Protein backbone atom coordinates (compact mmCIF):
# COMPACT_ATOMS: atom_id res chain seq x y z
CA MET A 1 0.00 0.00 0.00
CA PRO A 2 1.45 3.43 -0.86
CA LYS A 3 1.93 5.86 1.98
CA HIS A 4 0.13 9.16 1.93
CA TRP A 5 1.44 12.65 2.56
CA SER A 6 -0.96 13.13 5.46
CA GLY A 7 0.63 10.25 7.36
CA SER A 8 4.10 11.76 7.22
CA ARG A 9 3.32 14.79 9.39
CA LEU A 10 6.05 16.55 7.44
CA ASP A 11 7.11 20.14 7.99
CA LEU A 12 8.91 21.24 4.81
CA HIS A 13 10.40 24.44 6.25
CA ILE A 14 10.08 26.31 2.96
CA SER A 15 11.75 29.71 3.05
CA PRO A 16 10.40 32.41 0.74
CA ASP A 17 13.87 33.98 0.78
CA THR A 18 15.51 31.01 -0.92
CA ALA A 19 17.65 32.11 -3.86
CA GLY A 20 15.59 31.56 -7.00
CA GLY A 21 12.23 32.24 -5.32
CA ARG A 22 9.45 30.13 -3.83
CA ARG A 23 9.64 27.42 -6.48
CA SER A 24 13.35 26.90 -5.78
CA GLY A 25 12.59 26.79 -2.05
CA LEU A 26 9.95 24.11 -2.56
CA GLU A 27 12.26 22.03 -4.76
CA SER A 28 15.09 22.22 -2.23
CA ALA A 29 12.79 21.33 0.67
CA LEU A 30 11.39 18.30 -1.13
CA ARG A 31 14.84 17.09 -2.21
CA GLU A 32 16.16 17.32 1.35
CA ALA A 33 13.12 15.52 2.79
CA ILE A 34 13.50 12.69 0.26
CA ARG A 35 17.27 12.35 0.77
CA GLU A 36 16.92 12.26 4.55
CA GLY A 37 14.13 9.66 4.44
CA ARG A 38 11.49 11.96 5.90
CA LEU A 39 9.56 11.35 2.68
CA PRO A 40 10.05 7.59 2.11
CA ALA A 41 9.97 5.98 -1.32
CA GLY A 42 6.39 5.34 -2.43
CA THR A 43 4.86 8.23 -0.49
CA LEU A 44 2.03 9.82 -2.49
CA LEU A 45 2.24 13.61 -2.57
CA PRO A 46 -0.78 15.89 -2.52
CA SER A 47 -2.20 17.19 -5.74
CA THR A 48 -0.68 20.39 -6.99
CA ARG A 49 -3.89 22.22 -6.07
CA GLY A 50 -3.90 20.74 -2.55
CA LEU A 51 -0.24 21.44 -1.78
CA ALA A 52 -0.53 24.95 -3.19
CA ARG A 53 -3.45 25.66 -0.87
CA GLU A 54 -1.61 24.09 2.13
CA LEU A 55 1.60 26.07 1.61
CA GLY A 56 0.11 29.30 0.35
CA LEU A 57 1.77 29.03 -3.06
CA SER A 58 0.36 29.27 -6.56
CA ARG A 59 -0.62 26.03 -8.26
CA GLY A 60 1.75 26.84 -11.13
CA THR A 61 4.69 27.08 -8.71
CA VAL A 62 3.92 23.65 -7.22
CA SER A 63 3.35 22.09 -10.64
CA ALA A 64 6.67 23.42 -11.94
CA ALA A 65 8.50 22.13 -8.84
CA TYR A 66 6.94 18.67 -9.25
CA ASP A 67 7.93 18.58 -12.93
CA GLN A 68 11.54 19.53 -12.10
CA LEU A 69 11.88 16.80 -9.47
CA VAL A 70 10.35 14.23 -11.80
CA GLU A 71 13.02 15.16 -14.36
CA GLU A 72 15.73 14.77 -11.69
CA GLY A 73 14.43 11.35 -10.61
CA TYR A 74 13.24 12.28 -7.13
CA LEU A 75 9.54 11.92 -7.98
CA THR A 76 7.52 9.63 -10.24
CA THR A 77 4.17 10.23 -11.86
CA ARG A 78 1.71 7.85 -13.46
CA PRO A 79 -1.66 8.71 -14.98
CA GLY A 80 -4.40 8.00 -12.47
CA SER A 81 -1.96 7.38 -9.61
CA GLY A 82 -0.76 10.89 -8.81
CA THR A 83 2.78 11.93 -7.93
CA GLY A 84 4.94 9.81 -5.61
CA VAL A 85 8.43 9.63 -4.16
CA ALA A 86 10.92 7.60 -6.21
CA GLU A 87 13.52 5.18 -4.88
CA VAL A 88 16.46 7.40 -3.87
CA PRO A 89 19.43 6.25 -1.73
CA LEU A 90 19.22 7.72 1.74
CA GLY A 91 21.90 10.06 3.01
CA THR A 92 22.62 11.59 -0.39
CA ARG A 93 22.51 15.14 0.89
CA GLU A 94 24.06 18.01 -0.96
CA PRO A 95 27.84 17.56 -0.85
CA ALA A 96 29.53 19.45 1.91
CA PRO A 97 31.44 22.50 0.80
CA PRO A 98 35.05 21.69 -0.01
CA ALA A 99 37.47 21.83 2.86
CA PRO A 100 39.45 25.05 2.90
CA ALA A 101 42.86 24.84 1.27
CA PRO A 102 45.73 24.36 3.72
CA ALA A 103 46.99 27.64 5.02
CA ALA A 104 50.04 28.94 3.24
CA PRO A 105 53.20 28.77 5.35
CA ARG A 106 54.20 31.97 7.08
CA HIS A 107 57.70 31.60 5.63
CA ASP A 108 58.13 29.58 2.43
CA LEU A 109 61.64 28.28 1.76
CA ARG A 110 60.62 25.18 -0.16
CA PRO A 111 63.02 24.35 -3.01
CA GLY A 112 62.15 24.77 -6.65
CA LEU A 113 59.57 27.54 -6.27
CA PRO A 114 59.94 30.92 -8.00
CA ASP A 115 58.93 34.32 -6.70
CA VAL A 116 55.51 34.54 -8.33
CA SER A 117 55.08 38.08 -6.98
CA ALA A 118 57.63 39.07 -9.64
CA PHE A 119 55.57 37.63 -12.51
CA PRO A 120 56.04 39.97 -15.52
CA VAL A 121 52.44 41.16 -15.61
CA ARG A 122 53.04 44.11 -17.94
CA ALA A 123 55.00 42.07 -20.44
CA TRP A 124 52.43 39.26 -20.33
CA LEU A 125 49.58 41.75 -20.89
CA ALA A 126 51.43 43.39 -23.76
CA SER A 127 52.02 40.05 -25.45
CA THR A 128 48.41 39.01 -24.82
CA ARG A 129 47.15 42.17 -26.53
CA ARG A 130 49.39 41.57 -29.54
CA VAL A 131 48.29 37.94 -29.78
CA LEU A 132 44.58 38.78 -29.59
CA ALA A 133 44.88 41.70 -32.01
CA ARG A 134 46.23 39.46 -34.76
CA ALA A 135 44.49 36.21 -33.80
CA ARG A 136 42.67 34.38 -36.58
CA PRO A 137 39.37 32.63 -35.73
CA GLU A 138 41.04 29.20 -35.76
CA VAL A 139 43.08 30.23 -32.71
CA PHE A 140 39.92 29.78 -30.64
CA GLY A 141 39.19 26.32 -31.98
CA ALA A 142 40.71 22.93 -31.18
CA GLY A 143 44.48 22.93 -30.84
CA ASP A 144 47.37 20.84 -32.15
CA PRO A 145 48.35 17.99 -29.78
CA GLN A 146 52.00 18.63 -30.64
CA GLY A 147 51.66 22.30 -29.70
CA ARG A 148 51.24 25.57 -31.59
CA ILE A 149 53.78 25.94 -34.36
CA GLU A 150 54.44 29.54 -33.25
CA LEU A 151 55.63 28.37 -29.84
CA ARG A 152 57.57 25.40 -31.19
CA ALA A 153 59.41 27.67 -33.63
CA ALA A 154 60.15 30.22 -30.90
CA LEU A 155 61.42 27.49 -28.57
CA ALA A 156 63.66 25.97 -31.23
CA GLY A 157 65.45 29.30 -31.64
CA TYR A 158 65.53 30.17 -27.95
CA LEU A 159 66.80 26.77 -26.76
CA GLY A 160 69.44 26.75 -29.45
CA ARG A 161 70.95 30.11 -28.49
CA THR A 162 70.59 29.84 -24.69
CA ARG A 163 71.01 26.11 -23.94
CA GLY A 164 72.82 24.72 -27.00
CA VAL A 165 69.88 22.46 -27.90
CA ILE A 166 69.87 21.13 -31.45
CA THR A 167 66.32 20.92 -32.74
CA THR A 168 63.69 21.96 -35.24
CA PRO A 169 60.06 22.78 -34.44
CA ASP A 170 58.85 19.39 -35.69
CA ARG A 171 60.81 17.64 -32.89
CA ILE A 172 59.16 19.60 -30.07
CA VAL A 173 56.01 18.56 -28.20
CA VAL A 174 54.32 21.07 -25.87
CA THR A 175 52.72 19.66 -22.73
CA SER A 176 50.66 20.88 -19.77
CA GLY A 177 53.61 20.92 -17.38
CA TYR A 178 56.70 18.76 -16.92
CA HIS A 179 54.75 16.28 -14.79
CA GLN A 180 52.43 15.50 -17.70
CA GLY A 181 55.24 15.39 -20.24
CA LEU A 182 57.19 12.90 -18.17
CA GLY A 183 54.14 10.67 -17.82
CA LEU A 184 53.40 10.78 -21.56
CA LEU A 185 57.01 9.96 -22.44
CA CYS A 186 57.25 7.09 -19.96
CA GLY A 187 53.95 5.64 -21.13
CA ALA A 188 55.15 5.70 -24.74
CA LEU A 189 58.46 4.05 -23.80
CA VAL A 190 56.79 1.27 -21.81
CA ALA A 191 54.31 0.69 -24.63
CA GLY A 192 57.32 0.25 -26.92
CA GLY A 193 58.79 -2.47 -24.70
CA ALA A 194 61.01 -0.55 -22.26
CA ARG A 195 61.07 -2.13 -18.80
CA THR A 196 63.91 -0.84 -16.57
CA ALA A 197 64.85 2.77 -15.87
CA ALA A 198 67.77 4.22 -13.93
CA VAL A 199 66.80 7.23 -11.80
CA GLU A 200 69.12 9.46 -9.77
CA ASP A 201 69.52 8.64 -6.08
CA PRO A 202 68.80 11.01 -4.41
CA GLY A 203 66.36 12.58 -6.81
CA HIS A 204 62.91 14.09 -7.07
CA ASN A 205 60.61 11.54 -5.44
CA VAL A 206 57.45 12.79 -7.17
CA PHE A 207 58.93 12.34 -10.62
CA ARG A 208 60.43 9.01 -9.62
CA ASP A 209 56.90 7.87 -8.80
CA VAL A 210 55.70 9.04 -12.22
CA VAL A 211 58.30 6.80 -13.86
CA ARG A 212 57.30 3.88 -11.66
CA ARG A 213 53.56 4.31 -12.21
CA ALA A 214 54.09 4.26 -15.96
CA GLY A 215 55.25 0.66 -15.61
CA PHE A 216 59.03 0.92 -15.28
CA THR A 217 61.07 -1.03 -12.81
CA VAL A 218 63.06 1.79 -11.24
CA ARG A 219 66.74 1.22 -10.43
CA PRO A 220 68.63 3.75 -8.29
CA LEU A 221 71.57 5.49 -9.97
CA PRO A 222 73.82 6.82 -7.17
CA VAL A 223 74.87 10.46 -7.12
CA ASP A 224 78.15 11.72 -5.65
CA ALA A 225 80.16 14.93 -5.80
CA HIS A 226 80.62 14.53 -9.57
CA GLY A 227 76.95 13.92 -10.34
CA ALA A 228 75.21 10.71 -11.30
CA ARG A 229 77.49 7.66 -11.50
CA THR A 230 76.79 7.07 -15.18
CA GLN A 231 79.45 4.37 -15.33
CA GLU A 232 77.01 2.15 -13.43
CA LEU A 233 74.46 2.13 -16.25
CA THR A 234 74.01 -1.29 -17.89
CA HIS A 235 72.53 -2.72 -21.04
CA ARG A 236 69.42 -3.65 -19.02
CA ASP A 237 68.55 0.01 -18.51
CA ALA A 238 66.24 1.20 -21.27
CA ALA A 239 66.32 4.80 -20.04
CA ALA A 240 68.22 7.01 -17.63
CA PHE A 241 66.46 10.00 -16.01
CA LEU A 242 68.90 12.74 -14.98
CA THR A 243 69.24 16.41 -14.04
CA PRO A 244 72.74 16.88 -15.52
CA SER A 245 73.06 20.69 -15.49
CA HIS A 246 72.08 21.09 -11.83
CA GLN A 247 71.37 17.85 -10.03
CA TYR A 248 68.33 17.81 -7.80
CA PRO A 249 68.78 17.96 -4.85
CA THR A 250 72.59 18.11 -4.45
CA GLY A 251 73.11 20.90 -7.00
CA VAL A 252 76.24 19.39 -8.60
CA PRO A 253 76.60 19.43 -12.40
CA LEU A 254 77.41 16.19 -14.19
CA ARG A 255 81.18 16.20 -14.79
CA PRO A 256 82.44 16.09 -18.41
CA GLY A 257 83.81 12.55 -18.19
CA ARG A 258 80.51 11.24 -16.96
CA ARG A 259 78.58 13.17 -19.61
CA GLN A 260 80.75 11.45 -22.22
CA ALA A 261 80.24 8.05 -20.58
CA LEU A 262 76.49 8.64 -20.54
CA CYS A 263 76.37 9.44 -24.25
CA ALA A 264 78.57 6.45 -25.05
CA TRP A 265 76.23 4.20 -23.06
CA ALA A 266 73.20 5.53 -24.96
CA ARG A 267 74.83 5.05 -28.37
CA SER A 268 76.13 1.54 -27.67
CA THR A 269 72.98 0.14 -26.00
CA GLY A 270 70.20 2.10 -27.66
CA GLY A 271 69.25 3.47 -24.27
CA LEU A 272 67.52 6.81 -23.92
CA VAL A 273 68.66 9.72 -21.74
CA VAL A 274 65.88 11.92 -20.35
CA GLU A 275 67.36 15.31 -19.47
CA ASP A 276 65.41 17.47 -17.04
CA ASP A 277 67.07 20.87 -17.49
CA TYR A 278 66.36 21.70 -13.87
CA ASP A 279 67.16 25.35 -13.14
CA GLY A 280 69.19 25.60 -16.34
CA GLU A 281 68.46 29.32 -16.62
CA TYR A 282 69.84 30.22 -13.20
CA ARG A 283 73.65 30.21 -13.08
CA TYR A 284 75.44 32.71 -10.85
CA ASP A 285 79.19 32.09 -10.68
CA ARG A 286 80.01 31.06 -14.23
CA GLN A 287 78.50 30.46 -17.66
CA PRO A 288 75.60 27.98 -17.75
CA VAL A 289 76.43 24.36 -18.43
CA GLY A 290 75.11 23.58 -21.91
CA ALA A 291 72.35 21.05 -22.39
CA LEU A 292 73.43 17.43 -22.78
CA GLN A 293 71.04 17.15 -25.72
CA GLY A 294 73.37 19.30 -27.83
CA VAL A 295 76.01 16.55 -27.66
CA ALA A 296 73.72 13.61 -28.48
CA PRO A 297 70.45 14.91 -29.97
CA ASP A 298 69.33 11.47 -31.19
CA GLN A 299 69.83 9.81 -27.81
CA VAL A 300 68.55 12.54 -25.45
CA VAL A 301 65.07 13.83 -24.67
CA TYR A 302 65.38 17.41 -23.46
CA CYS A 303 62.67 18.62 -21.05
CA GLY A 304 62.01 22.22 -20.03
CA THR A 305 59.25 24.29 -18.43
CA VAL A 306 58.27 27.83 -17.43
CA SER A 307 57.32 26.70 -13.92
CA LYS A 308 60.45 28.25 -12.39
CA THR A 309 60.92 31.14 -14.80
CA LEU A 310 57.34 32.46 -14.87
CA GLY A 311 55.19 30.35 -12.59
CA PRO A 312 53.79 26.82 -12.23
CA ALA A 313 50.20 28.03 -12.74
CA LEU A 314 50.82 28.47 -16.48
CA ARG A 315 51.14 24.69 -17.07
CA LEU A 316 53.48 25.08 -20.04
CA ALA A 317 56.38 22.72 -20.71
CA TRP A 318 58.09 21.11 -23.67
CA MET A 319 60.07 18.10 -24.76
CA VAL A 320 62.66 18.03 -27.54
CA LEU A 321 62.51 14.46 -28.84
CA PRO A 322 64.53 12.17 -31.07
CA PRO A 323 62.59 11.78 -34.33
CA HIS A 324 61.32 8.26 -33.61
CA LEU A 325 59.56 9.40 -30.42
CA VAL A 326 57.67 12.40 -31.81
CA GLU A 327 54.72 10.45 -33.16
CA PRO A 328 54.13 8.12 -30.16
CA VAL A 329 54.43 10.98 -27.65
CA THR A 330 52.12 13.20 -29.71
CA ARG A 331 49.62 10.34 -29.88
CA ALA A 332 49.82 9.93 -26.11
CA LYS A 333 49.22 13.67 -25.69
CA ARG A 334 46.14 13.48 -27.91
CA HIS A 335 44.72 10.66 -25.80
CA ALA A 336 45.58 12.43 -22.52
CA ASP A 337 43.98 15.86 -22.96
CA GLN A 338 44.04 16.51 -26.74
CA TYR A 339 46.19 19.65 -26.54
CA THR A 340 47.64 22.25 -24.22
CA GLU A 341 45.74 25.52 -23.82
CA THR A 342 46.35 27.61 -26.91
CA LEU A 343 46.40 31.26 -25.86
CA GLY A 344 49.08 30.71 -23.23
CA GLN A 345 51.28 29.09 -25.89
CA LEU A 346 50.88 32.04 -28.22
CA VAL A 347 51.59 34.57 -25.47
CA LEU A 348 54.74 32.70 -24.45
CA ALA A 349 55.84 32.57 -28.10
CA ASP A 350 55.44 36.34 -28.29
CA LEU A 351 57.38 36.84 -25.05
CA ILE A 352 60.24 34.79 -26.47
CA THR A 353 60.36 36.36 -29.92
CA THR A 354 60.23 39.91 -28.51
CA HIS A 355 62.97 38.98 -25.99
CA ALA A 356 60.76 40.00 -23.06
CA TYR A 357 61.31 36.48 -21.72
CA ASP A 358 65.09 36.96 -21.78
CA ARG A 359 64.80 40.28 -19.96
CA HIS A 360 62.61 38.75 -17.29
CA ILE A 361 65.05 35.89 -16.70
CA ARG A 362 68.02 38.26 -16.48
CA ALA A 363 66.21 40.32 -13.84
CA ALA A 364 65.21 37.18 -11.94
CA ARG A 365 68.78 35.89 -12.04
CA LEU A 366 70.05 39.07 -10.37
CA ARG A 367 67.30 38.95 -7.76
CA TYR A 368 67.94 35.31 -6.87
CA ARG A 369 71.69 35.87 -6.80
CA ARG A 370 71.24 38.54 -4.12
CA ARG A 371 69.15 36.17 -2.06
CA ARG A 372 71.65 33.37 -2.44
CA GLU A 373 74.43 35.64 -1.19
CA LEU A 374 72.37 36.59 1.84
CA LEU A 375 71.73 32.92 2.58
CA LEU A 376 75.42 32.04 2.29
CA THR A 377 76.32 34.89 4.62
CA ARG A 378 74.01 33.44 7.23
CA VAL A 379 75.33 29.89 6.68
CA ALA A 380 78.83 31.12 7.52
CA THR A 381 77.62 32.09 11.00
CA VAL A 382 76.72 28.48 11.97
CA PRO A 383 79.83 26.34 12.63
CA GLY A 384 79.76 23.06 10.73
CA LEU A 385 76.78 23.96 8.53
CA VAL A 386 77.71 23.38 4.87
CA ALA A 387 75.92 24.70 1.78
CA HIS A 388 75.98 22.61 -1.42
CA GLY A 389 74.97 23.37 -5.00
CA VAL A 390 75.43 27.10 -4.67
CA PRO A 391 76.54 27.99 -8.23
CA ALA A 392 73.05 27.59 -9.67
CA GLY A 393 69.39 27.00 -9.06
CA LEU A 394 66.73 28.16 -6.64
CA HIS A 395 67.78 26.25 -3.53
CA THR A 396 70.77 25.21 -1.45
CA LEU A 397 71.29 21.86 0.23
CA LEU A 398 72.38 22.37 3.83
CA THR A 399 74.13 19.46 5.51
CA LEU A 400 74.05 19.56 9.27
CA PRO A 401 76.98 19.92 11.66
CA PRO A 402 77.92 17.08 14.02
CA GLY A 403 75.66 16.96 17.03
CA ALA A 404 72.83 18.82 15.32
CA PRO A 405 69.26 17.65 15.94
CA ALA A 406 67.93 14.96 13.62
CA GLU A 407 66.35 16.06 10.36
CA ASP A 408 62.85 15.04 11.49
CA ASP A 409 63.24 17.11 14.65
CA LEU A 410 64.38 20.15 12.69
CA LEU A 411 61.48 19.81 10.24
CA ALA A 412 59.04 19.63 13.15
CA ARG A 413 60.53 22.78 14.68
CA CYS A 414 60.26 24.53 11.31
CA ASP A 415 56.65 23.49 11.02
CA ARG A 416 55.82 24.89 14.45
CA ARG A 417 57.24 28.26 13.35
CA GLY A 418 55.24 28.27 10.12
CA LEU A 419 58.42 27.71 8.11
CA ALA A 420 58.29 25.43 5.05
CA VAL A 421 61.53 23.70 4.02
CA ARG A 422 62.24 20.18 2.77
CA GLY A 423 64.28 17.33 4.16
CA LEU A 424 66.90 15.41 2.22
CA THR A 425 66.28 11.83 3.30
CA GLU A 426 62.86 11.44 1.64
CA LEU A 427 64.50 12.06 -1.75
CA HIS A 428 66.52 8.82 -1.52
CA HIS A 429 65.12 5.62 -2.95
CA ASP A 430 65.69 4.04 0.48
CA PRO A 431 65.78 6.75 3.15
CA ALA A 432 67.01 4.47 5.92
CA GLY A 433 70.46 5.47 7.13
CA ARG A 434 71.00 8.07 4.41
CA PRO A 435 72.64 11.48 4.97
CA GLN A 436 70.41 14.11 6.52
CA GLY A 437 70.00 17.71 5.52
CA LEU A 438 67.63 20.53 4.67
CA LEU A 439 66.79 21.97 1.27
CA ALA A 440 66.36 25.72 1.65
CA GLY A 441 64.89 27.54 -1.32
CA PHE A 442 65.46 31.22 -1.95
CA GLY A 443 62.94 31.74 -4.74
CA ALA A 444 59.44 31.68 -3.29
CA PRO A 445 59.34 34.60 -0.81
CA SER A 446 58.95 38.14 -2.07
CA GLU A 447 61.89 40.50 -1.73
CA ARG A 448 60.35 41.99 1.40
CA ALA A 449 59.52 38.62 3.01
CA TYR A 450 62.80 36.82 2.34
CA PRO A 451 64.90 38.24 5.25
CA ALA A 452 62.25 37.25 7.81
CA ALA A 453 62.14 33.75 6.34
CA LEU A 454 65.92 33.46 6.80
CA ASP A 455 65.57 34.69 10.38
CA ALA A 456 63.08 31.90 11.07
CA LEU A 457 65.32 29.25 9.49
CA PHE A 458 68.45 30.24 11.37
CA ALA A 459 66.54 30.59 14.60
CA VAL A 460 65.66 26.90 14.21
CA LEU A 461 69.25 25.99 13.40
CA ALA A 462 70.48 27.97 16.41
CA ASP A 463 67.67 26.52 18.57
CA ARG A 464 66.36 29.85 19.76
CA ASP A 465 63.24 31.90 19.18
CA ALA A 466 63.09 33.90 15.99
CA PRO A 467 62.50 37.64 16.30
CA GLY A 468 58.79 38.21 16.52
CA GLY A 469 58.17 34.46 16.33
């Protein structure tokens, strides 16, 4: 027997102030009552005339609300039987509002982050205006999975003159960030039969996981004071993933002999070198180390991004590929998200061709160099504290003096002060018993905020309260 509305003794609590008016209020009240089980499945609702009279609404308002809920599946209607409650799982209330994002750290010294407060807004706006002024209608349609030809041509010239990369536009694939590009490349390699990959140890654990999730068996490639120990690569390794210009996290460049050994390994075994040009733009004490790809363009995949030069929010990165990998990686890109957002590509191409991008990087290099010098000055005040990787990049690895607190303890103290840094041990393939240290970035804070962030860090290292902390 169907239940009747009168037996439910239901108070709908309809508010005339509900956004959208009385009809919206009635719909919301009925949905909530059905989801909470106060109107069980099978309950017969009053006629539209009867409910309108009971609630003081117009019959048209009630009829429209019933029709909407029938369309949504909350109510059913059959000729001669009236309107009833459909079978709806209980407890399916409106989703709770999303949890607030974690609070930003008071002092951000995490490695690998740029100063986004210095984003070149005026230059970006100027390039955007030029791009839109001359844009053809097809610019606003579907994009090319390989990337806009304008950006690929601009990158080919820029990478050749600044990083020594040997390429043409047809060998470049534009991706939505380095993370995506790495995943696409690894997926294509595994699909082609690759099984084992050598990855720097220590190295970036997030990207190591990307390689592993793609299906590779990951083998640690130890890093020492001369960079990755490329002499330990074997014929079983299908690919080697390295940061040769500025190793993450130690900061050492790959020494010439090892670069030569790496290229010889790739040529003799058919192995592939994946070069993450990490912080390649930021050299302070001498000329930048040229890209490895320029020595062996058919054995090296060169990867770059604007995440550290402009900002990670842009989601723009690129890969320079050996010819045989262009088609499978482009196909993987098409299956992943079809293409990278077009307007951002065109604006970046304009920034590069007008040399606004070069000017921005030169200014950033000077700014980060000043910060690095301030950091090194403070390091010299702590006996036994050693800074590594200082010639380049956006961070310094600090190894701790004898008798210093354990890394976990220092990270906990930093956290209590609202200071974000990163520990060294988690970047090893097997953290147990590995050297401890802190990675202190000098890119993320604004110029004004950076000195206070250093005060907080060195207060932790000196085990005393920071000024104002």
